[in-house]
């Protein structure tokens, strides 16, 4: 009897502990659920509003639910054919800027972070301090100096005026440096060098496979930042054919506010265009999520 009771007591104690923690868990879950609802309401409103025609959109009824006919197809047709299909042009520009800027910033961050973390050279600490200091500078404060520099180089109103500044991400370099310092053991690199591997082969074959989680993280951050960048393209570009989606939609908002070019119908295009602009980011997150989680799991096991 004593042995049986001794076996039962830990389970009873564990259940009692779970019972005592239960109210706290409920509060935490309710709080997280409230946050989810709070962040999803604008997206849900965008989905609902995109299904309405201009008349129903401004009727003031059923703002968070569908009412009347569902007009997704008609609204998409109007969006893609308005002004000669300019929205498709803006969509292609955004994809180009985001992919080129995000991928380029990731490559530069990987190389710079690896150099800061695994090599000793004169001025390393000072240069990294400069990188940390540049993280604190608002990006909008650099737009005007960047515009003047690119104007002197005759690169304004070109795709390079958006892509080249997007390649530099001090925060990405900082993340890479911190991650590589812990995730890539120096002993492992030394062992590869002893086996006769050069620095490039050591980096590609030994270090790079260990960096998959941070590479995907920096790539996603770079793509999202470039995709949502508004002020830089607005200052650099004057040709509407080169606009990305945020600047193009901002142009439509100005026309709609002045009741030029369609009034209510233009607001409908703005809402549908905003919904379409979110979809590529969702696809990017979902497609890269497995590599991100897989790399994190491997790192936790190590």
Protein backbone atom coordinates (compact mmCIF):
# COMPACT_ATOMS: atom_id res chain seq x y z
CA UNK A 1 0.00 0.00 0.00
CA UNK A 2 2.83 2.33 0.77
CA UNK A 3 4.43 1.68 -2.62
CA UNK A 4 1.16 2.27 -4.46
CA UNK A 5 0.45 5.49 -2.62
CA UNK A 6 3.99 6.71 -3.31
CA UNK A 7 3.44 6.20 -7.01
CA UNK A 8 0.14 8.03 -7.00
CA UNK A 9 1.23 11.11 -5.11
CA UNK A 10 3.43 12.62 -7.88
CA UNK A 11 0.61 12.35 -10.41
CA UNK A 12 -1.84 13.88 -7.98
CA UNK A 13 0.64 16.65 -7.28
CA UNK A 14 1.15 17.27 -10.98
CA UNK A 15 -2.59 17.47 -11.61
CA UNK A 16 -2.95 19.84 -8.70
CA UNK A 17 -0.14 21.99 -10.09
CA UNK A 18 -1.82 22.08 -13.51
CA UNK A 19 -5.10 22.99 -11.88
CA UNK A 20 -3.46 25.85 -10.02
CA UNK A 21 -1.91 27.14 -13.23
CA UNK A 22 -5.10 26.78 -15.22
CA UNK A 23 -6.61 30.25 -14.58
CA UNK A 24 -3.34 31.91 -15.55
CA UNK A 25 -3.21 29.90 -18.77
CA UNK A 26 -6.77 30.92 -19.59
CA UNK A 27 -5.92 34.60 -19.16
CA UNK A 28 -2.83 34.24 -21.35
CA UNK A 29 -4.79 32.48 -24.09
CA UNK A 30 -7.55 35.09 -23.94
CA UNK A 31 -4.99 37.86 -24.23
CA UNK A 32 -3.30 36.18 -27.21
CA UNK A 33 -6.69 35.58 -28.82
CA UNK A 34 -7.57 39.26 -28.40
CA UNK A 35 -4.29 40.25 -30.05
CA UNK A 36 -4.97 37.91 -32.97
CA UNK A 37 -8.43 39.40 -33.48
CA UNK A 38 -7.03 42.92 -33.21
CA UNK A 39 -4.43 42.31 -35.93
CA UNK A 40 -6.74 40.33 -38.20
CA UNK A 41 -9.63 42.82 -38.22
CA UNK A 42 -7.97 45.22 -40.75
CA UNK A 43 -7.11 42.31 -43.05
CA UNK A 44 -10.63 40.91 -42.74
CA UNK A 45 -12.09 44.34 -43.53
CA UNK A 46 -9.86 44.46 -46.62
CA UNK A 47 -11.14 41.06 -47.77
CA UNK A 48 -14.76 42.06 -47.23
CA UNK A 49 -14.46 45.53 -48.76
CA UNK A 50 -12.74 44.13 -51.85
CA UNK A 51 -15.87 42.09 -52.62
CA UNK A 52 -18.13 45.14 -52.88
CA UNK A 53 -18.87 47.43 -55.77
CA UNK A 54 -18.36 51.20 -55.30
CA UNK A 55 -21.99 51.77 -54.33
CA UNK A 56 -22.04 49.08 -51.63
CA UNK A 57 -18.59 50.14 -50.42
CA UNK A 58 -19.86 53.58 -49.40
CA UNK A 59 -23.33 52.52 -48.30
CA UNK A 60 -22.21 52.40 -44.65
CA UNK A 61 -23.80 49.02 -43.91
CA UNK A 62 -22.08 45.75 -43.19
CA UNK A 63 -18.53 47.09 -42.99
CA UNK A 64 -17.19 43.81 -41.57
CA UNK A 65 -19.42 41.41 -43.46
CA UNK A 66 -20.38 40.67 -47.03
CA UNK A 67 -23.48 42.36 -48.36
CA UNK A 68 -25.19 41.97 -51.71
CA UNK A 69 -23.33 40.50 -54.65
CA UNK A 70 -19.73 39.34 -54.43
CA UNK A 71 -17.77 41.34 -57.00
CA UNK A 72 -14.24 39.98 -56.69
CA UNK A 73 -13.99 39.06 -60.37
CA UNK A 74 -15.36 42.38 -61.64
CA UNK A 75 -13.19 44.36 -59.24
CA UNK A 76 -10.08 42.46 -60.28
CA UNK A 77 -10.88 43.03 -63.94
CA UNK A 78 -11.28 46.75 -63.30
CA UNK A 79 -8.03 46.80 -61.33
CA UNK A 80 -5.96 45.04 -63.98
CA UNK A 81 -7.39 47.02 -66.89
CA UNK A 82 -7.51 50.50 -65.34
CA UNK A 83 -5.25 53.02 -67.12
CA UNK A 84 -3.85 50.43 -69.50
CA UNK A 85 -3.12 47.86 -66.80
CA UNK A 86 -0.73 50.11 -64.87
CA UNK A 87 -1.29 48.11 -61.67
CA UNK A 88 0.28 45.01 -63.21
CA UNK A 89 3.28 47.15 -64.08
CA UNK A 90 3.52 48.34 -60.49
CA UNK A 91 3.19 44.77 -59.26
CA UNK A 92 6.06 43.64 -61.47
CA UNK A 93 8.18 46.57 -60.28
CA UNK A 94 7.53 45.68 -56.64
CA UNK A 95 8.52 42.06 -57.26
CA UNK A 96 11.72 43.19 -58.99
CA UNK A 97 12.68 45.66 -56.27
CA UNK A 98 11.84 43.27 -53.42
CA UNK A 99 13.62 40.23 -54.86
CA UNK A 100 16.71 42.13 -56.01
CA UNK A 101 16.93 44.27 -52.89
CA UNK A 102 16.12 41.49 -50.42
CA UNK A 103 18.42 38.90 -52.02
CA UNK A 104 21.26 41.40 -52.49
CA UNK A 105 20.98 42.65 -48.91
CA UNK A 106 21.04 39.06 -47.66
CA UNK A 107 24.20 38.20 -49.62
CA UNK A 108 25.99 41.32 -48.39
CA UNK A 109 24.85 40.71 -44.80
CA UNK A 110 26.04 37.09 -44.86
CA UNK A 111 29.48 38.01 -46.17
CA UNK A 112 29.89 41.02 -43.87
CA UNK A 113 28.58 39.19 -40.80
CA UNK A 114 30.86 36.22 -41.45
CA UNK A 115 33.86 38.53 -41.83
CA UNK A 116 33.09 40.43 -38.62
CA UNK A 117 32.46 37.23 -36.65
CA UNK A 118 35.27 34.93 -37.81
CA UNK A 119 38.14 37.13 -38.99
CA UNK A 120 40.38 39.51 -37.10
CA UNK A 121 41.59 42.55 -39.01
CA UNK A 122 42.63 46.11 -38.15
CA UNK A 123 39.68 48.36 -37.38
CA UNK A 124 37.16 45.52 -37.01
CA UNK A 125 35.66 46.79 -33.75
CA UNK A 126 35.50 50.37 -35.03
CA UNK A 127 33.82 49.33 -38.28
CA UNK A 128 31.28 47.20 -36.44
CA UNK A 129 30.59 50.13 -34.11
CA UNK A 130 29.87 52.23 -37.19
CA UNK A 131 27.43 49.54 -38.37
CA UNK A 132 25.69 49.57 -34.98
CA UNK A 133 25.51 53.35 -35.06
CA UNK A 134 23.96 53.35 -38.51
CA UNK A 135 21.20 51.07 -37.23
CA UNK A 136 20.01 53.96 -35.06
CA UNK A 137 19.73 56.39 -37.99
CA UNK A 138 16.17 56.56 -39.40
CA UNK A 139 16.03 55.47 -43.02
CA UNK A 140 13.92 58.47 -43.95
CA UNK A 141 16.74 60.76 -42.82
CA UNK A 142 19.01 59.22 -45.48
CA UNK A 143 16.60 59.61 -48.41
CA UNK A 144 17.48 63.23 -49.26
CA UNK A 145 21.29 62.70 -49.15
CA UNK A 146 20.83 59.53 -51.18
CA UNK A 147 18.74 61.42 -53.73
CA UNK A 148 21.43 64.10 -54.10
CA UNK A 149 24.15 61.47 -54.56
CA UNK A 150 22.14 59.50 -57.12
CA UNK A 151 21.20 62.71 -58.92
CA UNK A 152 24.88 63.53 -59.37
CA UNK A 153 25.37 60.03 -60.80
CA UNK A 154 22.34 60.46 -63.11
CA UNK A 155 20.67 57.38 -61.59
CA UNK A 156 17.46 58.97 -60.37
CA UNK A 157 14.26 57.85 -62.09
CA UNK A 158 15.81 54.42 -62.77
CA UNK A 159 15.31 51.05 -61.13
CA UNK A 160 18.82 51.32 -59.63
CA UNK A 161 17.70 54.28 -57.55
CA UNK A 162 15.51 51.86 -55.58
CA UNK A 163 17.55 48.64 -55.77
CA UNK A 164 21.00 49.93 -54.81
CA UNK A 165 19.99 51.65 -51.52
CA UNK A 166 17.99 48.54 -50.60
CA UNK A 167 21.14 46.42 -50.72
CA UNK A 168 22.50 48.02 -47.56
CA UNK A 169 20.96 46.81 -44.31
CA UNK A 170 23.06 47.49 -41.17
CA UNK A 171 20.54 45.66 -38.98
CA UNK A 172 20.88 42.55 -41.16
CA UNK A 173 24.68 42.70 -40.82
CA UNK A 174 24.29 42.97 -37.05
CA UNK A 175 21.95 39.97 -36.93
CA UNK A 176 24.32 37.92 -39.07
CA UNK A 177 27.35 38.79 -37.00
CA UNK A 178 25.68 37.88 -33.70
CA UNK A 179 24.21 34.65 -35.05
CA UNK A 180 27.38 33.46 -36.80
CA UNK A 181 29.49 34.08 -33.70
CA UNK A 182 27.52 31.39 -31.84
CA UNK A 183 26.15 29.13 -34.60
CA UNK A 184 29.43 28.49 -36.46
CA UNK A 185 32.11 27.03 -34.13
CA UNK A 186 35.59 28.32 -34.87
CA UNK A 187 36.97 24.85 -34.17
CA UNK A 188 34.89 23.47 -37.03
CA UNK A 189 36.33 26.02 -39.42
CA UNK A 190 39.86 25.30 -38.20
CA UNK A 191 39.32 21.59 -38.78
CA UNK A 192 38.27 22.26 -42.37
CA UNK A 193 41.34 24.42 -42.92
CA UNK A 194 43.59 21.70 -41.49
CA UNK A 195 42.04 19.25 -43.95
CA UNK A 196 43.18 21.51 -46.78
CA UNK A 197 40.01 23.45 -47.55
CA UNK A 198 40.43 27.05 -48.66
CA UNK A 199 38.52 29.94 -47.15
CA UNK A 200 35.88 29.98 -49.87
CA UNK A 201 35.28 26.23 -49.66
CA UNK A 202 35.23 26.39 -45.85
CA UNK A 203 32.61 29.11 -45.99
CA UNK A 204 30.43 27.42 -48.62
CA UNK A 205 30.70 23.82 -47.37
CA UNK A 206 30.96 24.28 -43.60
CA UNK A 207 29.59 27.65 -42.50
CA UNK A 208 26.83 28.33 -45.01
CA UNK A 209 24.70 25.21 -44.27
CA UNK A 210 24.59 26.24 -40.60
CA UNK A 211 23.21 29.67 -41.47
CA UNK A 212 19.93 28.64 -43.08
CA UNK A 213 17.63 30.00 -40.34
CA UNK A 214 19.25 33.43 -40.21
CA UNK A 215 19.52 33.63 -44.01
CA UNK A 216 15.80 33.00 -44.38
CA UNK A 217 15.06 35.49 -41.58
CA UNK A 218 17.16 38.26 -43.14
CA UNK A 219 15.76 37.48 -46.59
CA UNK A 220 12.19 37.82 -45.35
CA UNK A 221 12.99 41.05 -43.51
CA UNK A 222 14.68 42.46 -46.60
CA UNK A 223 11.88 41.49 -48.95
CA UNK A 224 9.19 42.91 -46.67
CA UNK A 225 11.12 46.14 -46.05
CA UNK A 226 11.73 46.72 -49.76
CA UNK A 227 8.17 45.74 -50.72
CA UNK A 228 6.67 48.19 -48.22
CA UNK A 229 9.21 50.97 -48.87
CA UNK A 230 7.33 54.12 -49.78
CA UNK A 231 9.42 57.23 -49.15
CA UNK A 232 12.55 56.15 -51.08
CA UNK A 233 10.75 55.33 -54.38
CA UNK A 234 8.59 58.41 -53.94
CA UNK A 235 11.68 60.64 -53.77
CA UNK A 236 13.71 58.81 -56.42
CA UNK A 237 11.12 58.16 -59.12
CA UNK A 238 9.00 60.52 -61.20
CA UNK A 239 8.02 58.11 -63.99
CA UNK A 240 4.81 56.35 -62.95
CA UNK A 241 5.81 53.28 -64.98
CA UNK A 242 8.62 52.68 -62.47
CA UNK A 243 6.46 53.04 -59.35
CA UNK A 244 6.10 50.13 -56.92
CA UNK A 245 2.67 49.32 -55.54
CA UNK A 246 2.83 51.53 -52.39
CA UNK A 247 3.70 54.64 -54.39
CA UNK A 248 1.19 53.79 -57.12
CA UNK A 249 -1.63 53.31 -54.64
CA UNK A 250 -0.58 56.56 -52.97
CA UNK A 251 -0.95 58.27 -56.35
CA UNK A 252 -4.46 56.85 -56.72
CA UNK A 253 -5.33 57.99 -53.21
CA UNK A 254 -4.38 61.53 -54.12
CA UNK A 255 -6.54 61.40 -57.24
CA UNK A 256 -9.46 59.90 -55.34
CA UNK A 257 -9.19 62.49 -52.56
CA UNK A 258 -9.38 65.25 -55.15
CA UNK A 259 -12.26 63.42 -56.84
CA UNK A 260 -10.29 63.14 -60.04
CA UNK A 261 -10.22 60.02 -62.16
CA UNK A 262 -13.26 58.27 -60.85
CA UNK A 263 -14.02 59.19 -57.25
CA UNK A 264 -15.71 56.25 -55.53
CA UNK A 265 -14.71 53.74 -58.23
CA UNK A 266 -11.06 54.65 -57.70
CA UNK A 267 -11.36 54.00 -53.98
CA UNK A 268 -12.66 50.54 -54.83
CA UNK A 269 -9.57 49.92 -56.96
CA UNK A 270 -7.35 51.14 -54.13
CA UNK A 271 -8.86 48.65 -51.70
CA UNK A 272 -8.63 45.71 -54.11
CA UNK A 273 -5.08 46.70 -55.04
CA UNK A 274 -4.11 46.83 -51.37
CA UNK A 275 -5.45 43.31 -50.87
CA UNK A 276 -3.53 41.99 -53.87
CA UNK A 277 -0.34 43.62 -52.59
CA UNK A 278 -0.51 41.55 -49.39
CA UNK A 279 -0.75 38.18 -51.16
CA UNK A 280 2.89 37.97 -52.39
CA UNK A 281 4.16 38.57 -48.85
CA UNK A 282 1.91 35.83 -47.50
CA UNK A 283 3.18 33.47 -50.20
CA UNK A 284 6.79 34.36 -49.35
CA UNK A 285 6.26 33.62 -45.66
CA UNK A 286 4.44 30.35 -46.28
CA UNK A 287 6.96 29.11 -48.85
CA UNK A 288 10.00 29.91 -46.70
CA UNK A 289 8.48 28.88 -43.39
CA UNK A 290 9.52 25.21 -43.63
CA UNK A 291 13.16 26.15 -44.24
CA UNK A 292 13.02 28.61 -41.38
CA UNK A 293 11.49 26.17 -38.88
CA UNK A 294 13.61 23.27 -40.10
CA UNK A 295 16.80 25.22 -39.62
CA UNK A 296 15.74 26.36 -36.17
CA UNK A 297 14.96 22.77 -35.17
CA UNK A 298 18.36 21.58 -36.36
CA UNK A 299 20.05 24.39 -34.46
CA UNK A 300 18.17 23.55 -31.27
CA UNK A 301 19.23 19.89 -31.50
CA UNK A 302 22.84 20.90 -31.92
